[in-house]
Every structure is written in C-alpha cells, then in structure tokens.
Protein backbone atom coordinates (compact mmCIF):
# COMPACT_ATOMS: atom_id res chain seq x y z
CA MET A 1 89.90 90.62 129.49
CA LYS A 2 87.76 93.66 130.27
CA THR A 3 89.26 93.91 133.75
CA MET A 4 92.80 93.73 132.37
CA LEU A 5 91.99 96.41 129.80
CA ARG A 6 90.66 98.71 132.51
CA LEU A 7 93.80 98.25 134.59
CA VAL A 8 96.03 98.92 131.59
CA LEU A 9 94.15 102.13 130.80
CA LEU A 10 94.42 103.31 134.40
CA GLY A 11 98.12 102.53 134.50
CA THR A 12 98.77 104.23 131.17
CA ALA A 13 96.98 107.39 132.25
CA ALA A 14 98.98 107.53 135.48
CA SER A 15 102.29 106.97 133.67
CA LEU A 16 101.63 109.71 131.13
CA ALA A 17 100.64 112.12 133.87
CA PHE A 18 103.78 111.47 135.91
CA GLU A 19 106.02 111.95 132.87
CA ALA A 20 104.40 115.27 132.00
CA VAL A 21 104.86 117.09 135.31
CA PRO A 22 107.89 117.90 137.47
CA ALA A 23 107.89 116.21 140.87
CA SER A 24 107.06 119.09 143.19
CA ALA A 25 104.00 119.73 145.29
CA GLY A 26 102.20 121.64 147.95
CA ASP A 27 101.28 125.16 146.80
CA ARG A 28 97.49 124.89 146.71
CA LEU A 29 95.43 126.37 149.51
CA ALA A 30 94.34 124.37 152.54
CA TRP A 31 91.19 122.27 152.05
CA THR A 32 91.33 122.47 148.22
CA GLY A 33 92.24 118.78 148.08
CA ALA A 34 89.32 117.89 150.38
CA VAL A 35 90.00 114.67 152.35
CA ASP A 36 89.83 111.06 151.12
CA GLU A 37 86.50 109.23 151.20
CA ILE A 38 86.33 105.56 152.22
CA GLU A 39 87.17 104.36 148.68
CA GLY A 40 90.27 106.56 148.38
CA SER A 41 89.06 109.39 146.13
CA ALA A 42 89.25 113.03 147.20
CA GLY A 43 85.94 114.05 148.72
CA GLY A 44 84.09 113.84 152.01
CA GLY A 45 83.78 110.69 154.09
CA LEU A 46 81.29 108.81 151.92
CA VAL A 47 81.21 110.76 148.65
CA PRO A 48 83.86 111.53 145.99
CA TRP A 49 83.97 115.20 144.98
CA ALA A 50 85.21 116.85 141.78
CA LEU A 51 88.30 118.15 143.62
CA ILE A 52 91.66 116.52 142.84
CA GLY A 53 93.50 115.00 145.81
CA GLY A 54 96.65 116.52 147.22
CA LEU A 55 97.82 120.13 147.29
CA GLY A 56 99.71 120.32 143.99
CA THR A 57 98.92 123.18 141.64
CA ASN A 58 98.37 122.96 137.88
CA GLN A 59 102.15 122.50 137.44
CA GLN A 60 102.81 120.15 140.36
CA ILE A 61 102.26 116.66 141.69
CA GLY A 62 100.39 116.35 144.99
CA ALA A 63 99.81 113.29 147.14
CA THR A 64 97.71 112.11 150.07
CA ALA A 65 97.59 109.24 152.54
CA PHE A 66 94.76 108.41 154.89
CA ALA A 67 93.48 105.92 157.46
CA THR A 68 89.81 105.55 158.40
CA TYR A 69 88.02 103.56 161.08
CA VAL A 70 84.25 103.08 161.26
CA SER A 71 82.54 101.30 164.15
CA THR A 72 78.83 100.46 164.52
CA GLN A 73 77.05 98.29 167.07
CA ASP A 74 77.74 95.09 165.09
CA PHE A 75 80.55 95.81 162.59
CA SER A 76 83.78 97.70 162.05
CA LEU A 77 85.61 98.86 158.93
CA ARG A 78 89.31 99.71 158.58
CA THR A 79 90.51 101.52 155.48
CA LEU A 80 94.00 102.55 154.35
CA GLY A 81 94.70 104.40 151.12
CA ALA A 82 96.70 106.94 149.18
CA SER A 83 96.33 109.08 146.09
CA VAL A 84 98.40 111.12 143.68
CA GLY A 85 97.09 114.26 142.00
CA VAL A 86 98.80 115.47 138.83
CA ASP A 87 98.52 118.99 137.43
CA ASP A 88 95.34 119.52 139.50
CA ARG A 89 93.75 117.58 136.65
CA VAL A 90 94.21 113.80 137.15
CA GLU A 91 93.95 111.75 140.33
CA VAL A 92 94.99 108.12 140.81
CA SER A 93 94.10 106.42 144.11
CA VAL A 94 94.50 103.05 145.82
CA ASP A 95 92.58 101.76 148.78
CA ARG A 96 92.26 98.60 150.88
CA GLN A 97 89.25 97.91 153.11
CA ARG A 98 88.88 95.26 155.82
CA PHE A 99 85.42 94.67 157.29
CA ASP A 100 84.94 92.80 160.57
CA ALA A 101 81.75 90.73 160.14
CA GLY A 102 82.22 88.47 163.15
CA SER A 103 78.69 89.24 164.36
CA VAL A 104 77.38 87.30 161.32
CA VAL A 105 79.96 84.50 161.20
CA PRO A 106 82.45 84.29 164.10
CA GLY A 107 85.93 85.26 162.95
CA LEU A 108 84.76 86.42 159.49
CA THR A 109 86.57 89.36 157.88
CA LEU A 110 85.64 90.64 154.43
CA GLY A 111 87.60 93.11 152.33
CA GLN A 112 88.23 94.69 148.98
CA ASP A 113 90.91 96.51 147.00
CA ILE A 114 90.02 99.65 145.04
CA LEU A 115 91.91 101.39 142.27
CA GLY A 116 90.54 104.80 141.31
CA LEU A 117 90.98 107.28 138.49
CA LYS A 118 89.48 110.77 138.37
CA VAL A 119 89.81 113.45 135.69
CA ARG A 120 88.75 117.07 136.07
CA LEU A 121 86.88 118.07 132.92
CA LEU A 122 86.10 121.76 133.40
CA GLY A 123 85.32 124.50 135.85
CA ASP A 124 87.10 125.49 139.05
CA ALA A 125 85.46 124.90 142.43
CA VAL A 126 87.56 127.52 144.25
CA PHE A 127 89.24 130.10 142.02
CA ALA A 128 86.30 131.13 139.84
CA PRO A 129 83.90 132.55 142.44
CA ASP A 130 82.00 134.70 139.94
CA GLU A 131 81.19 131.78 137.66
CA TYR A 132 78.09 129.69 138.18
CA LEU A 133 79.71 126.65 136.59
CA PRO A 134 80.99 124.21 139.24
CA GLN A 135 84.09 122.08 138.92
CA ILE A 136 83.12 118.89 137.13
CA ALA A 137 85.04 115.63 137.13
CA VAL A 138 84.43 112.06 136.02
CA GLY A 139 85.80 109.06 137.83
CA ALA A 140 86.09 105.29 137.83
CA GLN A 141 86.73 102.93 140.73
CA TYR A 142 87.77 99.38 139.95
CA LYS A 143 86.82 97.21 142.93
CA ARG A 144 87.86 93.63 143.69
CA THR A 145 86.24 91.73 146.56
CA LEU A 146 88.96 89.82 148.42
CA ASP A 147 86.70 87.18 149.96
CA PHE A 148 84.11 86.57 147.25
CA ASP A 149 83.86 82.78 147.71
CA GLN A 150 83.16 83.00 151.44
CA ILE A 151 79.95 84.99 151.92
CA PRO A 152 79.23 87.21 148.85
CA ARG A 153 78.74 84.29 146.43
CA ALA A 154 76.68 82.38 149.01
CA VAL A 155 74.22 85.25 149.49
CA GLY A 156 73.68 85.69 145.74
CA ALA A 157 76.29 88.19 144.50
CA ALA A 158 76.93 87.72 140.78
CA ARG A 159 80.65 88.55 140.65
CA GLY A 160 83.65 89.54 142.71
CA ASP A 161 84.94 92.55 140.78
CA ASP A 162 83.43 95.48 138.91
CA VAL A 163 83.84 99.17 138.07
CA ASP A 164 81.86 102.06 139.55
CA LEU A 165 81.57 105.12 137.29
CA TYR A 166 80.63 108.58 138.55
CA ILE A 167 80.37 112.24 137.63
CA ALA A 168 80.79 114.87 140.34
CA ALA A 169 80.12 118.61 140.48
CA THR A 170 81.62 120.68 143.32
CA LYS A 171 81.52 124.41 144.10
CA LEU A 172 82.77 126.62 146.92
CA TYR A 173 80.62 129.67 147.73
CA PHE A 174 82.43 132.41 149.63
CA ALA A 175 80.66 134.10 152.58
CA ALA A 176 77.42 132.35 151.59
CA ILE A 177 75.93 131.92 155.08
CA ASP A 178 76.40 134.79 157.53
CA GLY A 179 79.93 135.38 156.23
CA HIS A 180 80.91 131.68 156.31
CA ASN A 181 82.14 129.79 153.25
CA VAL A 182 80.07 126.85 152.02
CA ILE A 183 80.98 123.94 149.75
CA LEU A 184 78.39 121.84 147.90
CA ASP A 185 78.80 118.65 145.91
CA ALA A 186 76.47 116.49 143.83
CA THR A 187 77.70 113.14 142.53
CA LEU A 188 75.90 110.58 140.36
CA ARG A 189 77.28 107.04 140.46
CA ARG A 190 76.63 104.06 138.17
CA THR A 191 77.13 100.98 140.30
CA ARG A 192 75.91 97.52 141.22
CA ALA A 193 78.11 97.20 144.31
CA ASN A 194 76.62 95.46 147.33
CA GLN A 195 77.59 97.30 150.53
CA PHE A 196 80.17 99.37 148.64
CA GLY A 197 81.50 96.11 147.08
CA LEU A 198 82.30 94.25 150.29
CA LEU A 199 79.49 91.79 149.42
CA GLY A 200 80.37 91.57 145.75
CA PHE A 201 78.47 93.01 142.81
CA GLY A 202 75.05 92.43 141.30
CA GLY A 203 72.68 89.67 142.29
CA ASP A 204 69.00 88.89 141.95
CA GLY A 205 68.01 92.57 142.05
CA SER A 206 68.05 95.18 139.29
CA GLY A 207 71.80 95.23 138.61
CA TYR A 208 73.36 98.53 137.56
CA SER A 209 71.64 101.70 138.73
CA TRP A 210 72.42 105.40 138.87
CA ASN A 211 72.55 106.54 142.48
CA PRO A 212 72.78 110.13 143.78
CA GLU A 213 75.31 111.22 146.40
CA LEU A 214 75.26 114.65 148.06
CA SER A 215 77.55 116.65 150.34
CA ALA A 216 77.26 120.06 151.99
CA ALA A 217 79.60 121.71 154.47
CA VAL A 218 80.21 125.10 156.07
CA TRP A 219 83.39 126.54 157.57
CA LEU A 220 82.69 127.39 161.21
CA ARG A 221 86.13 128.97 161.25
CA GLU A 222 89.22 128.71 159.07
CA ASP A 223 90.33 125.37 160.52
CA LEU A 224 86.93 123.77 161.24
CA LEU A 225 84.44 122.36 158.74
CA LEU A 226 80.96 121.08 159.63
CA GLY A 227 79.07 119.05 157.04
CA ALA A 228 76.67 116.28 156.14
CA GLU A 229 76.49 113.66 153.39
CA TYR A 230 73.95 111.35 151.79
CA ARG A 231 74.77 108.35 149.61
CA ASP A 232 72.13 106.25 147.89
CA LYS A 233 72.99 102.60 147.23
CA PRO A 234 71.58 99.83 145.00
CA ASN A 235 69.60 96.97 146.49
CA ASN A 236 70.57 93.83 144.56
CA LEU A 237 70.51 91.06 147.18
CA SER A 238 67.11 89.77 148.26
CA ALA A 239 68.79 88.01 151.19
CA PHE A 240 70.07 91.29 152.63
CA ARG A 241 68.14 94.52 152.17
CA GLU A 242 70.39 97.56 151.67
CA ASN A 243 69.72 101.18 152.64
CA SER A 244 71.28 104.54 151.93
CA ALA A 245 74.18 105.84 154.03
CA GLU A 246 74.39 109.22 155.75
CA ASP A 247 76.79 111.07 158.01
CA VAL A 248 77.30 114.32 159.88
CA PHE A 249 80.97 115.22 160.16
CA LEU A 250 83.33 117.69 161.76
CA ALA A 251 86.73 118.10 160.11
CA TRP A 252 89.60 119.89 161.85
CA GLY A 253 92.64 121.06 159.91
CA PRO A 254 95.14 122.46 162.44
CA VAL A 255 97.73 122.79 159.66
CA LYS A 256 97.49 122.75 155.90
CA ASN A 257 98.80 119.20 155.48
CA LEU A 258 96.80 117.44 158.19
CA THR A 259 93.08 116.91 158.75
CA LEU A 260 91.26 114.90 161.40
CA THR A 261 87.63 114.06 160.67
CA ALA A 262 85.08 112.68 163.12
CA ALA A 263 81.55 111.77 162.12
CA TRP A 264 78.34 110.17 163.27
CA THR A 265 77.25 107.83 160.50
CA ASP A 266 74.15 105.80 159.65
CA LEU A 267 74.89 102.93 157.24
CA GLY A 268 71.42 101.38 157.27
CA GLN A 269 70.92 97.63 157.42
CA ILE A 270 74.02 95.49 156.87
CA ALA A 271 73.95 91.70 156.36
CA GLY A 272 70.52 91.37 157.93
CA LYS A 273 71.43 93.37 161.01
CA SER A 274 69.18 96.30 161.92
CA THR A 275 70.20 99.88 161.17
CA GLN A 276 73.91 100.30 161.85
CA ARG A 277 74.89 103.62 163.41
CA GLY A 278 78.20 104.60 164.88
CA VAL A 279 81.38 106.66 164.76
CA TYR A 280 83.68 107.45 161.85
CA ILE A 281 87.24 108.69 162.42
CA SER A 282 89.71 109.50 159.66
CA LEU A 283 93.23 110.94 159.55
CA TRP A 284 94.31 112.63 156.29
CA MET A 285 97.76 113.87 155.29
CA GLY A 286 98.49 115.72 152.06
CA ILE A 287 101.27 117.48 150.19
C-alpha cells in the first residue's frame, strides 16, 4: 500500500506539472542541467545535484536521455534512463540498471528499476552569483530490485523495494580558481540500499542511515569539466561489507545538447570481491 501511494503521488506530480507548462524546451545555458547520475537524476556520475535535468527554462519543459557503462575487474553495470524537467522546478526520471555478477555466480545478472522525483525549493545555482544561498532541492528515488529472490534475499536483504530520500545544495562560483568557474554540491541521503539497491534493502545491519555525498568540479575551458565525487553508503549486510564510492571524471560538451563523460571510479568491495576500480563512460543528451 505504501509503495502504491508513493507511485500515485509521483505520477500526480508529473501530470500536474505537464499540464501547467507549454511543451517547448531548450533555452537554458549549457551545463545548467548537469548530466544524469547512475540512478537517473540530474547531477554528476554518482551524486544527484539540486539542478533540474534538461535545458528548459522556468516556462519550458526540458528532457534528457542517457546511457552509462561501468566496468571493474570483476563486474560491469549498464544503465539507461531519461528525465523530464518542468519549469526548471520539478524533475521526473526513470532508470533501469543491469549488473553483471557472473564472477560471483556464473551467468548471474542483477538489476533494478528506479523512478525519481526532484523538486527545487529555493535558490539559484547559476543566475544569482552574488547570493551566498545555493540552489536547494529535495528528491525521492523509488527503487525496485528486479532479482530479489535470487541473491539479495539469500545474503540477508530485508526487502526488494524501498525509497531513498535526499536533500541537495548546489552552487556555481564564477572565476573562483584562477579565472575558472567552479561548481560544488553537497547531498545528504536517507537510505538503506545495499550496493545502490542492486542487493536489495536493509538487512542485519543498522537499517536506514543518513549518508553524505559530495561533488566538486572546475571548468578547464568552456567545453571541458574536471571533477571528483564521493558517496558514502550504508553497510547493512554482514555477509558482504560495503564501502564508499568515489570517482574522478572528465566531462566534454562539444555542443550544448550533448555531453560525454569518462571517469575513473572506485566502488569499494562488492559481493565479497576486493576493492573494485575501473572505468565509467556515460553519454548524455538534453533539450
């Protein structure tokens, strides 16, 4: 019942937003919709930011689509998703993840579906440079593990679906470092997801916890962004210790509507395998 209520609320919010705004898009500046993180929300690679996805202004609808591939020495993750941003105020996103865990069980693939909602509360990350107040948004991500009865239940996960809640603060600082623009984000997430939700939710650990997530990036030039991210994670499964995730990324935006991101990422221990490090590649398109 709670899950159905959450879905109804998300759907209602999206419907009202679409009815309120004419269907046009694309007038915001490049980079102001960020890219899409692995769960579908506008942000970096690992962390949702307070920015609203797409390039629609406060009287337009914007949209994004993305594909991401992550490969470490033992695992790989494929992610496809899309989002709609309405009035530069509300964002609705969908995302599907497929995780190749054949190194643990031959032929095993895990996955999850994610439905996200983000609402900008106040502030402006870009167009209020003289204000100290960052752009602040709150968000929810409903996650459903697709393969709960295979491995997640067996290793002690308590359930196969749940909702992450977060609050994010993002601010762009013009000419902050030797004339280069800098963007900073701090996000606080309430979650009990195991490995982002791919191994279910909760377990024999502490359950829900508030976990910090941080991003920082600098424009090397107008079309090139260098940054780093940190994402803390809960540790609920005694069978599989979980660590924080980090990345260092380089994002290239040759045109306003297209961004290619490459990163070196450290995902910590996964499913009993030692620290998993590897490459992250993502293609983002926005209007």
